[in-house]
Amino acid sequence: MGHPTSSLVGARDFTVTGDGLPLAGNIVWTEQASPRVLRATQIRSSVTLSHQTVQLSRLSGAAVWKADELHILWPASTGTNSLVTDIRSGSTEFNALVLPLDAAFETRLDAAHRFWRALNGRPPGPAYGALPKQTKTRHILSLRAYDARRAGAVYREIAEVLLSRESIAPRDWRDHHLRHKVRAILRRADRLVAGGYRDLLFYPHSRIRKSDR
């Protein structure tokens, strides 16, 4: 088990690179950040004879970190199933999952279903609420434009590389139809980078921001 060396809003990072930035493969999202993070717990009595108790040792290939609670990625290679546990006193087992009845319940239920199927050696099946291909393409375009601007590219160059198949003469740029489109794409990118990316974790549900409450 490892101990976290830094923290992010809505996520914990257990390995930090030399410049202090988190590595994507080391980020474990919290329940507040993603409805696909399942809370594992223990209940006193079994409901049915088939009620399962899961030993952590049963989760072959899992990565487990201990902070204030245990965080589990299983399997560690893909991080398909993400759990946080409130098991105490050195226990290494759980027998129930907590699914809050909130707006993201269907996503939580799907995550629990996929975990249960994996636990029983069954294929996970299609994920509920997967981003449409068109939406993914739009977000990728936004982030490419954002990176280009950070690298020093001017708006006309961004338009030429990402949106146009032809070069755009400086004299034509002032009234070019792509001028406003580039600005709109960069505004969307700014919203994503400023925290809007967390909305993608709740898709197709809306994430309620604390500032809006």
C-alpha atoms as a PDB file:
ATOM      1  CA  MET A   1       0.000   0.000   0.000  1.00  0.00           C
ATOM      2  CA  GLY A   2       1.165   3.533  -0.678  1.00  0.00           C
ATOM      3  CA  HIS A   3       0.396   6.902   0.827  1.00  0.00           C
ATOM      4  CA  PRO A   4      -0.778   9.863  -1.247  1.00  0.00           C
ATOM      5  CA  THR A   5       1.807  12.556  -1.797  1.00  0.00           C
ATOM      6  CA  SER A   6      -0.559  15.227  -3.108  1.00  0.00           C
ATOM      7  CA  SER A   7      -4.271  15.893  -3.595  1.00  0.00           C
ATOM      8  CA  LEU A   8      -6.564  17.421  -6.206  1.00  0.00           C
ATOM      9  CA  VAL A   9     -10.104  18.748  -6.051  1.00  0.00           C
ATOM     10  CA  GLY A  10     -12.242  15.666  -6.452  1.00  0.00           C
ATOM     11  CA  ALA A  11      -9.296  13.327  -6.946  1.00  0.00           C
ATOM     12  CA  ARG A  12      -6.256  11.947  -5.214  1.00  0.00           C
ATOM     13  CA  ASP A  13      -2.924  11.415  -6.905  1.00  0.00           C
ATOM     14  CA  PHE A  14      -0.516   8.862  -5.464  1.00  0.00           C
ATOM     15  CA  THR A  15       2.504   9.589  -7.625  1.00  0.00           C
ATOM     16  CA  VAL A  16       3.674  13.017  -8.656  1.00  0.00           C
ATOM     17  CA  THR A  17       6.038  13.812 -11.495  1.00  0.00           C
ATOM     18  CA  GLY A  18       9.076  16.016 -11.083  1.00  0.00           C
ATOM     19  CA  ASP A  19       7.200  19.188 -12.021  1.00  0.00           C
ATOM     20  CA  GLY A  20       4.443  18.490  -9.527  1.00  0.00           C
ATOM     21  CA  LEU A  21       1.822  17.440 -12.071  1.00  0.00           C
ATOM     22  CA  PRO A  22      -0.211  14.249 -11.525  1.00  0.00           C
ATOM     23  CA  LEU A  23       0.142  11.289 -13.839  1.00  0.00           C
ATOM     24  CA  ALA A  24      -3.217  10.311 -15.340  1.00  0.00           C
ATOM     25  CA  GLY A  25      -2.653   6.646 -14.562  1.00  0.00           C
ATOM     26  CA  ASN A  26      -2.172   7.415 -10.873  1.00  0.00           C
ATOM     27  CA  ILE A  27      -5.319   9.447 -10.262  1.00  0.00           C
ATOM     28  CA  VAL A  28      -8.053   7.851  -8.159  1.00  0.00           C
ATOM     29  CA  TRP A  29     -11.319   9.769  -8.334  1.00  0.00           C
ATOM     30  CA  THR A  30     -13.385  10.326  -5.207  1.00  0.00           C
ATOM     31  CA  GLU A  31     -17.112   9.697  -4.817  1.00  0.00           C
ATOM     32  CA  GLN A  32     -17.743  13.433  -5.055  1.00  0.00           C
ATOM     33  CA  ALA A  33     -15.989  13.608  -8.422  1.00  0.00           C
ATOM     34  CA  SER A  34     -17.376  10.513 -10.122  1.00  0.00           C
ATOM     35  CA  PRO A  35     -20.539   8.436  -9.602  1.00  0.00           C
ATOM     36  CA  ARG A  36     -18.610   5.425 -10.877  1.00  0.00           C
ATOM     37  CA  VAL A  37     -16.618   5.303  -7.634  1.00  0.00           C
ATOM     38  CA  LEU A  38     -18.367   2.688  -5.501  1.00  0.00           C
ATOM     39  CA  ARG A  39     -18.406   2.738  -1.702  1.00  0.00           C
ATOM     40  CA  ALA A  40     -17.861  -0.748  -0.299  1.00  0.00           C
ATOM     41  CA  THR A  41     -18.979  -1.510   3.240  1.00  0.00           C
ATOM     42  CA  GLN A  42     -19.973  -4.280   5.612  1.00  0.00           C
ATOM     43  CA  ILE A  43     -23.487  -5.064   6.775  1.00  0.00           C
ATOM     44  CA  ARG A  44     -24.240  -7.244   9.775  1.00  0.00           C
ATOM     45  CA  SER A  45     -26.588  -9.813   8.278  1.00  0.00           C
ATOM     46  CA  SER A  46     -26.775 -11.516   4.915  1.00  0.00           C
ATOM     47  CA  VAL A  47     -29.954 -11.001   2.927  1.00  0.00           C
ATOM     48  CA  THR A  48     -29.780 -14.265   0.992  1.00  0.00           C
ATOM     49  CA  LEU A  49     -27.753 -17.454   1.000  1.00  0.00           C
ATOM     50  CA  SER A  50     -25.920 -16.235  -2.113  1.00  0.00           C
ATOM     51  CA  HIS A  51     -24.749 -13.051  -0.371  1.00  0.00           C
ATOM     52  CA  GLN A  52     -21.026 -12.698  -1.085  1.00  0.00           C
ATOM     53  CA  THR A  53     -18.235 -11.482   1.162  1.00  0.00           C
ATOM     54  CA  VAL A  54     -15.369 -10.101  -0.891  1.00  0.00           C
ATOM     55  CA  GLN A  55     -11.832 -10.465   0.395  1.00  0.00           C
ATOM     56  CA  LEU A  56      -9.403  -7.900  -1.013  1.00  0.00           C
ATOM     57  CA  SER A  57      -7.083 -10.791  -1.820  1.00  0.00           C
ATOM     58  CA  ARG A  58      -9.784 -12.060  -4.191  1.00  0.00           C
ATOM     59  CA  LEU A  59      -9.368  -8.954  -6.368  1.00  0.00           C
ATOM     60  CA  SER A  60      -6.366 -10.225  -8.269  1.00  0.00           C
ATOM     61  CA  GLY A  61      -4.361  -7.466  -9.905  1.00  0.00           C
ATOM     62  CA  ALA A  62      -5.887  -4.712  -7.768  1.00  0.00           C
ATOM     63  CA  ALA A  63      -4.019  -1.599  -6.656  1.00  0.00           C
ATOM     64  CA  VAL A  64      -4.835  -0.561  -3.093  1.00  0.00           C
ATOM     65  CA  TRP A  65      -3.886   2.725  -1.424  1.00  0.00           C
ATOM     66  CA  LYS A  66      -4.460   3.632   2.199  1.00  0.00           C
ATOM     67  CA  ALA A  67      -5.215   7.243   3.113  1.00  0.00           C
ATOM     68  CA  ASP A  68      -8.066   8.079   5.482  1.00  0.00           C
ATOM     69  CA  GLU A  69      -9.823   5.147   3.807  1.00  0.00           C
ATOM     70  CA  LEU A  70      -8.848   2.390   1.400  1.00  0.00           C
ATOM     71  CA  HIS A  71      -8.985   3.183  -2.319  1.00  0.00           C
ATOM     72  CA  ILE A  72      -9.070   0.262  -4.727  1.00  0.00           C
ATOM     73  CA  LEU A  73      -8.556   0.110  -8.488  1.00  0.00           C
ATOM     74  CA  TRP A  74      -9.378  -3.283  -9.963  1.00  0.00           C
ATOM     75  CA  PRO A  75      -7.750  -4.317 -12.142  1.00  0.00           C
ATOM     76  CA  ALA A  76      -4.954  -1.794 -11.706  1.00  0.00           C
ATOM     77  CA  SER A  77      -3.985  -2.041 -15.382  1.00  0.00           C
ATOM     78  CA  THR A  78      -7.295  -0.546 -16.552  1.00  0.00           C
ATOM     79  CA  GLY A  79      -8.893   0.946 -13.452  1.00  0.00           C
ATOM     80  CA  THR A  80     -12.247  -0.405 -14.668  1.00  0.00           C
ATOM     81  CA  ASN A  81     -13.637  -0.709 -11.150  1.00  0.00           C
ATOM     82  CA  SER A  82     -12.942   1.986  -8.568  1.00  0.00           C
ATOM     83  CA  LEU A  83     -13.942   1.531  -4.942  1.00  0.00           C
ATOM     84  CA  VAL A  84     -13.484   3.352  -1.657  1.00  0.00           C
ATOM     85  CA  THR A  85     -14.095   1.517   1.618  1.00  0.00           C
ATOM     86  CA  ASP A  86     -15.009   2.456   5.152  1.00  0.00           C
ATOM     87  CA  ILE A  87     -14.019  -0.919   6.587  1.00  0.00           C
ATOM     88  CA  ARG A  88     -12.237  -0.498   9.894  1.00  0.00           C
ATOM     89  CA  SER A  89      -9.974  -2.275  12.382  1.00  0.00           C
ATOM     90  CA  GLY A  90      -7.667  -3.762   9.798  1.00  0.00           C
ATOM     91  CA  SER A  91     -10.454  -5.708   8.073  1.00  0.00           C
ATOM     92  CA  THR A  92      -9.812  -6.680   4.472  1.00  0.00           C
ATOM     93  CA  GLU A  93     -13.312  -7.666   3.383  1.00  0.00           C
ATOM     94  CA  PHE A  94     -16.668  -6.148   2.482  1.00  0.00           C
ATOM     95  CA  ASN A  95     -20.091  -7.541   1.582  1.00  0.00           C
ATOM     96  CA  ALA A  96     -22.161  -4.613   0.288  1.00  0.00           C
ATOM     97  CA  LEU A  97     -22.060  -1.523  -1.913  1.00  0.00           C
ATOM     98  CA  VAL A  98     -23.713   1.802  -1.076  1.00  0.00           C
ATOM     99  CA  LEU A  99     -25.731   3.372  -3.922  1.00  0.00           C
ATOM    100  CA  PRO A 100     -27.114   6.822  -3.021  1.00  0.00           C
ATOM    101  CA  LEU A 101     -30.526   7.590  -4.525  1.00  0.00           C
ATOM    102  CA  ASP A 102     -29.425  10.740  -6.326  1.00  0.00           C
ATOM    103  CA  ALA A 103     -29.572  12.058  -9.889  1.00  0.00           C
ATOM    104  CA  ALA A 104     -26.634   9.833 -10.860  1.00  0.00           C
ATOM    105  CA  PHE A 105     -28.180   6.640  -9.480  1.00  0.00           C
ATOM    106  CA  GLU A 106     -28.376   4.952 -12.887  1.00  0.00           C
ATOM    107  CA  THR A 107     -24.652   5.487 -13.432  1.00  0.00           C
ATOM    108  CA  ARG A 108     -23.854   4.193  -9.927  1.00  0.00           C
ATOM    109  CA  LEU A 109     -26.089   1.181 -10.544  1.00  0.00           C
ATOM    110  CA  ASP A 110     -24.310   0.477 -13.834  1.00  0.00           C
ATOM    111  CA  ALA A 111     -20.893   0.695 -12.119  1.00  0.00           C
ATOM    112  CA  ALA A 112     -22.087  -1.715  -9.419  1.00  0.00           C
ATOM    113  CA  HIS A 113     -23.496  -4.066 -12.059  1.00  0.00           C
ATOM    114  CA  ARG A 114     -20.234  -4.103 -13.994  1.00  0.00           C
ATOM    115  CA  PHE A 115     -18.267  -4.744 -10.783  1.00  0.00           C
ATOM    116  CA  TRP A 116     -20.580  -7.632  -9.844  1.00  0.00           C
ATOM    117  CA  ARG A 117     -20.226  -9.179 -13.312  1.00  0.00           C
ATOM    118  CA  ALA A 118     -16.430  -8.899 -13.174  1.00  0.00           C
ATOM    119  CA  LEU A 119     -16.433 -10.386  -9.683  1.00  0.00           C
ATOM    120  CA  ASN A 120     -18.247 -13.423 -11.061  1.00  0.00           C
ATOM    121  CA  GLY A 121     -16.055 -13.795 -14.147  1.00  0.00           C
ATOM    122  CA  ARG A 122     -18.583 -12.385 -16.595  1.00  0.00           C
ATOM    123  CA  PRO A 123     -17.978  -9.778 -19.327  1.00  0.00           C
ATOM    124  CA  PRO A 124     -18.983  -6.252 -18.247  1.00  0.00           C
ATOM    125  CA  GLY A 125     -21.222  -5.496 -21.222  1.00  0.00           C
ATOM    126  CA  PRO A 126     -21.798  -2.005 -22.686  1.00  0.00           C
ATOM    127  CA  ALA A 127     -21.342   0.909 -20.297  1.00  0.00           C
ATOM    128  CA  TYR A 128     -24.336   3.079 -19.443  1.00  0.00           C
ATOM    129  CA  GLY A 129     -23.998   6.747 -20.358  1.00  0.00           C
ATOM    130  CA  ALA A 130     -20.977   6.455 -22.641  1.00  0.00           C
ATOM    131  CA  LEU A 131     -20.100   9.713 -24.394  1.00  0.00           C
ATOM    132  CA  PRO A 132     -21.318   9.810 -28.023  1.00  0.00           C
ATOM    133  CA  LYS A 133     -18.567   9.751 -30.621  1.00  0.00           C
ATOM    134  CA  GLN A 134     -19.496  13.240 -31.827  1.00  0.00           C
ATOM    135  CA  THR A 135     -19.198  14.632 -28.293  1.00  0.00           C
ATOM    136  CA  LYS A 136     -15.778  13.032 -27.828  1.00  0.00           C
ATOM    137  CA  THR A 137     -14.618  14.510 -31.123  1.00  0.00           C
ATOM    138  CA  ARG A 138     -15.808  17.978 -30.100  1.00  0.00           C
ATOM    139  CA  HIS A 139     -13.987  17.845 -26.753  1.00  0.00           C
ATOM    140  CA  ILE A 140     -10.800  16.558 -28.387  1.00  0.00           C
ATOM    141  CA  LEU A 141     -10.935  19.461 -30.829  1.00  0.00           C
ATOM    142  CA  SER A 142     -11.379  21.913 -27.947  1.00  0.00           C
ATOM    143  CA  LEU A 143      -8.363  20.598 -26.071  1.00  0.00           C
ATOM    144  CA  ARG A 144      -6.187  20.556 -29.191  1.00  0.00           C
ATOM    145  CA  ALA A 145      -7.075  24.199 -29.759  1.00  0.00           C
ATOM    146  CA  TYR A 146      -6.309  24.964 -26.106  1.00  0.00           C
ATOM    147  CA  ASP A 147      -2.894  23.299 -26.361  1.00  0.00           C
ATOM    148  CA  ALA A 148      -2.143  25.165 -29.589  1.00  0.00           C
ATOM    149  CA  ARG A 149      -2.919  28.497 -27.948  1.00  0.00           C
ATOM    150  CA  ARG A 150      -0.696  27.639 -24.983  1.00  0.00           C
ATOM    151  CA  ALA A 151       2.074  26.762 -27.422  1.00  0.00           C
ATOM    152  CA  GLY A 152       1.847  30.265 -28.904  1.00  0.00           C
ATOM    153  CA  ALA A 153      -0.243  29.673 -32.014  1.00  0.00           C
ATOM    154  CA  VAL A 154      -2.433  32.571 -33.117  1.00  0.00           C
ATOM    155  CA  TYR A 155      -6.115  32.033 -33.846  1.00  0.00           C
ATOM    156  CA  ARG A 156      -5.598  32.040 -37.609  1.00  0.00           C
ATOM    157  CA  GLU A 157      -3.005  29.250 -37.319  1.00  0.00           C
ATOM    158  CA  ILE A 158      -5.355  27.225 -35.121  1.00  0.00           C
ATOM    159  CA  ALA A 159      -8.087  27.586 -37.723  1.00  0.00           C
ATOM    160  CA  GLU A 160      -5.744  26.555 -40.553  1.00  0.00           C
ATOM    161  CA  VAL A 161      -4.506  23.419 -38.791  1.00  0.00           C
ATOM    162  CA  LEU A 162      -7.685  22.212 -37.052  1.00  0.00           C
ATOM    163  CA  LEU A 163     -10.586  23.511 -39.139  1.00  0.00           C
ATOM    164  CA  SER A 164      -9.475  24.348 -42.660  1.00  0.00           C
ATOM    165  CA  ARG A 165      -7.908  22.332 -45.451  1.00  0.00           C
ATOM    166  CA  GLU A 166      -6.431  25.457 -46.958  1.00  0.00           C
ATOM    167  CA  SER A 167      -4.158  28.226 -45.713  1.00  0.00           C
ATOM    168  CA  ILE A 168      -5.822  31.471 -44.702  1.00  0.00           C
ATOM    169  CA  ALA A 169      -4.216  34.702 -45.843  1.00  0.00           C
ATOM    170  CA  PRO A 170      -3.765  37.301 -43.066  1.00  0.00           C
ATOM    171  CA  ARG A 171      -5.758  39.824 -45.102  1.00  0.00           C
ATOM    172  CA  ASP A 172      -8.747  37.432 -45.192  1.00  0.00           C
ATOM    173  CA  TRP A 173      -8.755  36.528 -41.511  1.00  0.00           C
ATOM    174  CA  ARG A 174     -10.616  39.585 -40.210  1.00  0.00           C
ATOM    175  CA  ASP A 175     -13.844  38.601 -41.987  1.00  0.00           C
ATOM    176  CA  HIS A 176     -13.264  34.856 -42.211  1.00  0.00           C
ATOM    177  CA  HIS A 177     -16.146  32.582 -41.160  1.00  0.00           C
ATOM    178  CA  LEU A 178     -13.822  30.458 -38.987  1.00  0.00           C
ATOM    179  CA  ARG A 179     -12.745  33.415 -36.846  1.00  0.00           C
ATOM    180  CA  HIS A 180     -15.793  33.266 -34.570  1.00  0.00           C
ATOM    181  CA  LYS A 181     -15.765  29.461 -34.548  1.00  0.00           C
ATOM    182  CA  VAL A 182     -12.207  29.360 -33.194  1.00  0.00           C
ATOM    183  CA  ARG A 183     -13.163  31.808 -30.449  1.00  0.00           C
ATOM    184  CA  ALA A 184     -16.185  29.666 -29.524  1.00  0.00           C
ATOM    185  CA  ILE A 185     -14.048  26.504 -29.421  1.00  0.00           C
ATOM    186  CA  LEU A 186     -11.502  28.171 -27.140  1.00  0.00           C
ATOM    187  CA  ARG A 187     -14.232  29.442 -24.800  1.00  0.00           C
ATOM    188  CA  ARG A 188     -15.496  25.863 -24.531  1.00  0.00           C
ATOM    189  CA  ALA A 189     -11.950  24.644 -23.908  1.00  0.00           C
ATOM    190  CA  ASP A 190     -11.462  27.207 -21.135  1.00  0.00           C
ATOM    191  CA  ARG A 191     -14.611  25.939 -19.414  1.00  0.00           C
ATOM    192  CA  LEU A 192     -13.387  22.349 -19.654  1.00  0.00           C
ATOM    193  CA  VAL A 193      -9.960  23.117 -18.228  1.00  0.00           C
ATOM    194  CA  ALA A 194     -11.413  25.313 -15.465  1.00  0.00           C
ATOM    195  CA  GLY A 195     -13.335  22.350 -14.032  1.00  0.00           C
ATOM    196  CA  GLY A 196     -15.930  21.509 -16.636  1.00  0.00           C
ATOM    197  CA  TYR A 197     -14.106  18.249 -17.345  1.00  0.00           C
ATOM    198  CA  ARG A 198     -15.637  16.900 -14.132  1.00  0.00           C
ATOM    199  CA  ASP A 199     -19.071  17.120 -15.760  1.00  0.00           C
ATOM    200  CA  LEU A 200     -17.915  14.421 -18.173  1.00  0.00           C
ATOM    201  CA  LEU A 201     -17.569  12.009 -15.247  1.00  0.00           C
ATOM    202  CA  PHE A 202     -21.281  12.453 -14.475  1.00  0.00           C
ATOM    203  CA  TYR A 203     -22.504  12.232 -18.078  1.00  0.00           C
ATOM    204  CA  PRO A 204     -25.393  11.903 -18.928  1.00  0.00           C
ATOM    205  CA  HIS A 205     -26.341  13.462 -15.573  1.00  0.00           C
ATOM    206  CA  SER A 206     -25.756  17.040 -14.494  1.00  0.00           C
ATOM    207  CA  ARG A 207     -23.233  17.638 -11.749  1.00  0.00           C
ATOM    208  CA  ILE A 208     -24.494  19.960  -8.991  1.00  0.00           C
ATOM    209  CA  ARG A 209     -21.714  22.360  -8.080  1.00  0.00           C
ATOM    210  CA  LYS A 210     -21.362  23.377  -4.436  1.00  0.00           C
ATOM    211  CA  SER A 211     -21.324  27.019  -5.499  1.00  0.00           C
ATOM    212  CA  ASP A 212     -24.787  26.554  -7.031  1.00  0.00           C
ATOM    213  CA  ARG A 213     -26.385  25.226  -3.878  1.00  0.00           C
END
